[in-house]
C-alpha atoms as a PDB file:
ATOM      1  CA  MET A   1     -78.416  35.611 159.218  1.00  0.00           C
ATOM      2  CA  SER A   2     -79.939  34.368 156.275  1.00  0.00           C
ATOM      3  CA  ASN A   3     -79.901  31.179 154.465  1.00  0.00           C
ATOM      4  CA  ASN A   4     -77.385  32.104 151.577  1.00  0.00           C
ATOM      5  CA  GLN A   5     -75.217  33.341 154.621  1.00  0.00           C
ATOM      6  CA  ASN A   6     -75.312  30.542 156.944  1.00  0.00           C
ATOM      7  CA  LYS A   7     -71.933  29.199 155.663  1.00  0.00           C
ATOM      8  CA  TYR A   8     -69.985  32.172 156.615  1.00  0.00           C
ATOM      9  CA  VAL A   9     -67.862  31.741 159.890  1.00  0.00           C
ATOM     10  CA  LYS A  10     -67.151  34.678 161.965  1.00  0.00           C
ATOM     11  CA  VAL A  11     -63.298  35.023 162.532  1.00  0.00           C
ATOM     12  CA  GLY A  12     -62.834  38.617 164.053  1.00  0.00           C
ATOM     13  CA  TYR A  13     -63.542  42.177 164.207  1.00  0.00           C
ATOM     14  CA  ILE A  14     -62.399  45.542 162.921  1.00  0.00           C
ATOM     15  CA  ALA A  15     -60.861  47.064 166.073  1.00  0.00           C
ATOM     16  CA  ASP A  16     -59.618  50.216 164.634  1.00  0.00           C
ATOM     17  CA  ILE A  17     -58.031  51.861 161.763  1.00  0.00           C
ATOM     18  CA  TYR A  18     -53.941  52.140 161.362  1.00  0.00           C
ATOM     19  CA  GLY A  19     -52.546  54.828 159.482  1.00  0.00           C
ATOM     20  CA  PHE A  20     -53.862  57.194 156.921  1.00  0.00           C
ATOM     21  CA  LYS A  21     -53.759  54.893 153.906  1.00  0.00           C
ATOM     22  CA  GLY A  22     -56.771  52.571 154.725  1.00  0.00           C
ATOM     23  CA  TYR A  23     -55.184  49.549 156.644  1.00  0.00           C
ATOM     24  CA  ILE A  24     -57.369  48.547 159.553  1.00  0.00           C
ATOM     25  CA  LYS A  25     -56.426  46.487 162.808  1.00  0.00           C
ATOM     26  CA  LEU A  26     -58.316  43.046 162.794  1.00  0.00           C
ATOM     27  CA  LYS A  27     -58.969  41.256 165.895  1.00  0.00           C
ATOM     28  CA  PRO A  28     -59.353  37.371 165.556  1.00  0.00           C
ATOM     29  CA  VAL A  29     -62.034  35.620 167.707  1.00  0.00           C
ATOM     30  CA  THR A  30     -60.773  32.359 166.053  1.00  0.00           C
ATOM     31  CA  ASP A  31     -57.882  29.927 167.377  1.00  0.00           C
ATOM     32  CA  ASN A  32     -57.278  28.850 163.746  1.00  0.00           C
ATOM     33  CA  VAL A  33     -55.941  32.289 162.436  1.00  0.00           C
ATOM     34  CA  ASP A  34     -54.148  30.312 159.609  1.00  0.00           C
ATOM     35  CA  ILE A  35     -57.573  30.817 157.616  1.00  0.00           C
ATOM     36  CA  LEU A  36     -56.814  34.791 158.044  1.00  0.00           C
ATOM     37  CA  LEU A  37     -53.663  34.412 155.889  1.00  0.00           C
ATOM     38  CA  THR A  38     -55.047  32.225 153.377  1.00  0.00           C
ATOM     39  CA  THR A  39     -58.349  33.701 152.893  1.00  0.00           C
ATOM     40  CA  GLU A  40     -58.678  35.894 149.425  1.00  0.00           C
ATOM     41  CA  ASN A  41     -62.046  37.604 150.447  1.00  0.00           C
ATOM     42  CA  PHE A  42     -63.323  38.869 153.927  1.00  0.00           C
ATOM     43  CA  CYS A  43     -66.854  39.397 154.258  1.00  0.00           C
ATOM     44  CA  LEU A  44     -67.742  42.193 156.588  1.00  0.00           C
ATOM     45  CA  SER A  45     -70.849  42.862 158.444  1.00  0.00           C
ATOM     46  CA  SER A  46     -71.987  45.818 160.924  1.00  0.00           C
ATOM     47  CA  ASN A  47     -75.010  43.866 161.786  1.00  0.00           C
ATOM     48  CA  ASP A  48     -74.284  40.226 161.504  1.00  0.00           C
ATOM     49  CA  GLU A  49     -76.622  39.791 158.475  1.00  0.00           C
ATOM     50  CA  HIS A  50     -76.021  41.927 155.426  1.00  0.00           C
ATOM     51  CA  PHE A  51     -72.831  41.060 153.931  1.00  0.00           C
ATOM     52  CA  ARG A  52     -70.181  43.108 152.116  1.00  0.00           C
ATOM     53  CA  ILE A  53     -67.057  41.347 150.209  1.00  0.00           C
ATOM     54  CA  PHE A  54     -63.986  43.024 150.236  1.00  0.00           C
ATOM     55  CA  PRO A  55     -60.887  41.488 148.892  1.00  0.00           C
ATOM     56  CA  VAL A  56     -57.806  41.267 150.892  1.00  0.00           C
ATOM     57  CA  SER A  57     -54.393  42.855 149.082  1.00  0.00           C
ATOM     58  CA  GLU A  58     -52.367  42.594 152.145  1.00  0.00           C
ATOM     59  CA  ILE A  59     -52.176  41.043 155.542  1.00  0.00           C
ATOM     60  CA  SER A  60     -49.970  40.944 158.343  1.00  0.00           C
ATOM     61  CA  SER A  61     -49.416  40.242 161.862  1.00  0.00           C
ATOM     62  CA  TYR A  62     -49.311  43.049 164.180  1.00  0.00           C
ATOM     63  CA  LYS A  63     -48.929  42.640 168.011  1.00  0.00           C
ATOM     64  CA  ASN A  64     -52.327  40.529 169.089  1.00  0.00           C
ATOM     65  CA  MET A  65     -54.081  41.607 165.787  1.00  0.00           C
ATOM     66  CA  TYR A  66     -53.635  41.722 162.063  1.00  0.00           C
ATOM     67  CA  LEU A  67     -53.072  44.616 159.816  1.00  0.00           C
ATOM     68  CA  VAL A  68     -55.332  44.201 156.726  1.00  0.00           C
ATOM     69  CA  LYS A  69     -55.593  46.044 153.566  1.00  0.00           C
ATOM     70  CA  PHE A  70     -58.606  45.797 151.653  1.00  0.00           C
ATOM     71  CA  GLU A  71     -58.733  46.509 147.738  1.00  0.00           C
ATOM     72  CA  GLY A  72     -61.058  49.863 147.432  1.00  0.00           C
ATOM     73  CA  ILE A  73     -60.282  51.347 150.770  1.00  0.00           C
ATOM     74  CA  ASN A  74     -57.443  53.488 150.468  1.00  0.00           C
ATOM     75  CA  ASP A  75     -57.706  56.134 153.174  1.00  0.00           C
ATOM     76  CA  ASP A  76     -58.784  56.778 156.744  1.00  0.00           C
ATOM     77  CA  VAL A  77     -62.316  57.698 156.137  1.00  0.00           C
ATOM     78  CA  GLN A  78     -62.996  54.606 154.058  1.00  0.00           C
ATOM     79  CA  ALA A  79     -61.371  52.543 156.832  1.00  0.00           C
ATOM     80  CA  LYS A  80     -63.164  54.268 159.452  1.00  0.00           C
ATOM     81  CA  SER A  81     -66.696  53.487 157.343  1.00  0.00           C
ATOM     82  CA  ILE A  82     -66.158  49.751 158.095  1.00  0.00           C
ATOM     83  CA  LYS A  83     -64.338  49.978 161.941  1.00  0.00           C
ATOM     84  CA  LYS A  84     -66.077  47.756 164.341  1.00  0.00           C
ATOM     85  CA  SER A  85     -67.476  45.479 161.398  1.00  0.00           C
ATOM     86  CA  SER A  86     -67.526  41.917 162.059  1.00  0.00           C
ATOM     87  CA  VAL A  87     -65.236  39.672 159.685  1.00  0.00           C
ATOM     88  CA  TYR A  88     -66.400  36.383 158.095  1.00  0.00           C
ATOM     89  CA  VAL A  89     -64.991  34.049 156.032  1.00  0.00           C
ATOM     90  CA  HIS A  90     -66.676  31.596 153.790  1.00  0.00           C
ATOM     91  CA  GLY A  91     -66.685  28.055 155.550  1.00  0.00           C
ATOM     92  CA  ASP A  92     -64.991  26.352 152.329  1.00  0.00           C
ATOM     93  CA  TYR A  93     -61.775  28.008 153.791  1.00  0.00           C
ATOM     94  CA  LEU A  94     -62.155  26.110 156.962  1.00  0.00           C
ATOM     95  CA  PRO A  95     -60.031  22.924 157.326  1.00  0.00           C
ATOM     96  CA  VAL A  96     -61.813  19.609 157.788  1.00  0.00           C
ATOM     97  CA  GLU A  97     -63.256  18.836 161.151  1.00  0.00           C
ATOM     98  CA  GLU A  98     -61.552  16.117 163.321  1.00  0.00           C
ATOM     99  CA  ASP A  99     -63.696  13.600 164.776  1.00  0.00           C
ATOM    100  CA  GLY A 100     -65.722  14.595 167.176  1.00  0.00           C
ATOM    101  CA  ASP A 101     -65.410  18.230 166.022  1.00  0.00           C
ATOM    102  CA  VAL A 102     -68.180  20.361 164.439  1.00  0.00           C
ATOM    103  CA  TYR A 103     -68.155  24.080 163.427  1.00  0.00           C
ATOM    104  CA  TRP A 104     -70.620  26.752 165.352  1.00  0.00           C
ATOM    105  CA  TYR A 105     -72.181  27.694 162.211  1.00  0.00           C
ATOM    106  CA  LYS A 106     -73.271  24.222 161.538  1.00  0.00           C
ATOM    107  CA  ILE A 107     -75.446  23.888 164.857  1.00  0.00           C
ATOM    108  CA  ASP A 108     -76.106  27.177 165.252  1.00  0.00           C
ATOM    109  CA  GLY A 109     -79.646  27.547 166.072  1.00  0.00           C
ATOM    110  CA  ALA A 110     -80.081  23.768 166.207  1.00  0.00           C
ATOM    111  CA  LYS A 111     -83.266  22.245 168.154  1.00  0.00           C
ATOM    112  CA  VAL A 112     -82.229  20.530 171.122  1.00  0.00           C
ATOM    113  CA  VAL A 113     -84.164  17.583 172.214  1.00  0.00           C
ATOM    114  CA  ASP A 114     -83.928  15.140 175.263  1.00  0.00           C
ATOM    115  CA  VAL A 115     -82.975  11.674 174.748  1.00  0.00           C
ATOM    116  CA  GLU A 116     -86.770  10.859 174.531  1.00  0.00           C
ATOM    117  CA  GLY A 117     -86.928  13.170 171.518  1.00  0.00           C
ATOM    118  CA  VAL A 118     -88.761  15.874 173.432  1.00  0.00           C
ATOM    119  CA  LEU A 119     -87.810  19.636 172.112  1.00  0.00           C
ATOM    120  CA  ILE A 120     -86.214  21.083 174.732  1.00  0.00           C
ATOM    121  CA  GLY A 121     -85.512  24.382 172.679  1.00  0.00           C
ATOM    122  CA  LYS A 122     -82.878  25.623 170.595  1.00  0.00           C
ATOM    123  CA  LEU A 123     -79.240  26.111 170.919  1.00  0.00           C
ATOM    124  CA  VAL A 124     -78.122  30.164 170.579  1.00  0.00           C
ATOM    125  CA  ASP A 125     -74.636  30.741 172.032  1.00  0.00           C
ATOM    126  CA  TYR A 126     -71.976  28.851 173.408  1.00  0.00           C
ATOM    127  CA  LEU A 127     -69.146  29.990 175.929  1.00  0.00           C
ATOM    128  CA  GLU A 128     -65.587  28.871 175.916  1.00  0.00           C
ATOM    129  CA  VAL A 129     -63.985  27.836 178.994  1.00  0.00           C
ATOM    130  CA  SER A 130     -60.849  25.959 179.924  1.00  0.00           C
ATOM    131  CA  THR A 131     -61.879  22.216 179.419  1.00  0.00           C
ATOM    132  CA  GLU A 132     -65.148  22.146 177.611  1.00  0.00           C
ATOM    133  CA  ASP A 133     -67.545  24.496 175.949  1.00  0.00           C
ATOM    134  CA  ILE A 134     -70.836  25.304 177.562  1.00  0.00           C
ATOM    135  CA  PHE A 135     -73.840  25.604 175.243  1.00  0.00           C
ATOM    136  CA  ARG A 136     -76.556  28.322 175.963  1.00  0.00           C
ATOM    137  CA  ILE A 137     -80.021  26.752 175.416  1.00  0.00           C
ATOM    138  CA  GLU A 138     -83.287  28.794 174.646  1.00  0.00           C
ATOM    139  CA  LEU A 139     -85.768  26.724 176.190  1.00  0.00           C
ATOM    140  CA  THR A 140     -89.317  26.670 174.971  1.00  0.00           C
ATOM    141  CA  ASP A 141     -90.706  28.527 177.975  1.00  0.00           C
ATOM    142  CA  GLY A 142     -88.301  31.451 176.982  1.00  0.00           C
ATOM    143  CA  SER A 143     -85.954  31.196 179.670  1.00  0.00           C
ATOM    144  CA  TYR A 144     -82.266  30.265 179.363  1.00  0.00           C
ATOM    145  CA  SER A 145     -79.933  27.214 180.506  1.00  0.00           C
ATOM    146  CA  LEU A 146     -76.698  25.977 179.989  1.00  0.00           C
ATOM    147  CA  ILE A 147     -74.989  22.808 179.417  1.00  0.00           C
ATOM    148  CA  SER A 148     -71.657  21.638 178.975  1.00  0.00           C
ATOM    149  CA  ASN A 149     -70.679  19.844 176.007  1.00  0.00           C
ATOM    150  CA  ASN A 150     -69.369  16.352 177.126  1.00  0.00           C
ATOM    151  CA  PRO A 151     -70.286  13.017 176.539  1.00  0.00           C
ATOM    152  CA  ASP A 152     -72.342  12.748 179.701  1.00  0.00           C
ATOM    153  CA  HIS A 153     -74.479  15.723 178.785  1.00  0.00           C
ATOM    154  CA  ILE A 154     -74.534  16.011 175.153  1.00  0.00           C
ATOM    155  CA  LYS A 155     -75.422  12.514 173.646  1.00  0.00           C
ATOM    156  CA  LYS A 156     -75.851  13.528 169.905  1.00  0.00           C
ATOM    157  CA  ILE A 157     -74.989  16.269 167.836  1.00  0.00           C
ATOM    158  CA  ASP A 158     -76.609  16.097 164.040  1.00  0.00           C
ATOM    159  CA  SER A 159     -74.947  18.669 162.430  1.00  0.00           C
ATOM    160  CA  ILE A 160     -76.694  17.775 159.018  1.00  0.00           C
ATOM    161  CA  GLU A 161     -80.152  17.747 160.620  1.00  0.00           C
ATOM    162  CA  LYS A 162     -79.185  20.510 163.332  1.00  0.00           C
ATOM    163  CA  VAL A 163     -80.566  18.665 166.021  1.00  0.00           C
ATOM    164  CA  ILE A 164     -78.646  18.192 169.407  1.00  0.00           C
ATOM    165  CA  THR A 165     -79.686  15.307 171.866  1.00  0.00           C
ATOM    166  CA  ILE A 166     -79.047  16.132 175.467  1.00  0.00           C
ATOM    167  CA  ASP A 167     -79.293  14.658 178.699  1.00  0.00           C
ATOM    168  CA  THR A 168     -81.706  17.008 180.680  1.00  0.00           C
ATOM    169  CA  ILE A 169     -79.779  16.296 184.045  1.00  0.00           C
ATOM    170  CA  GLY A 170     -76.608  18.115 182.783  1.00  0.00           C
ATOM    171  CA  LEU A 171     -79.128  21.626 182.261  1.00  0.00           C
ATOM    172  CA  VAL A 172     -78.405  24.513 184.560  1.00  0.00           C
ATOM    173  CA  SER A 173     -80.669  27.481 185.074  1.00  0.00           C
ATOM    174  CA  GLU A 174     -78.972  30.458 183.989  1.00  0.00           C
ATOM    175  CA  LYS A 175     -80.740  32.443 186.963  1.00  0.00           C
ATOM    176  CA  LEU A 176     -78.910  30.618 189.383  1.00  0.00           C
END
């Protein structure tokens, strides 16, 4: 993502169209679905880089998704043109973080260093598991390792400087 887009957070994707009047089915990828109902504009991208802003004219819950009608999307042909797009909201719509919480967009691509300050690699992804998140790190040699986001392994997350300090004892090679 370019610098002016790094304040956008992915909240879902367009799974399909609905009917012939331009409605789409939005599948959320966030636990905070209230964001979907309070956002006036969604940003869509088919390649996670070039955004197009679409004002929301209607949104309602539909099964495990949301039906959305965008201004300017008035038929199924137009709706099909945005199908499978990723859906983002601006970070300003997110609720204030609670103590110890950090939004992913603030640490995506962060430098990862050991407790001595030696560069280990960069944070490239995370996996949500039942009790804690698992961070995926691209190491300086190009390989990948995983580490659980718990106080024994993650010593400090500095979202302002985008630096994560870890205890390397928690690193597990992705090849295992």
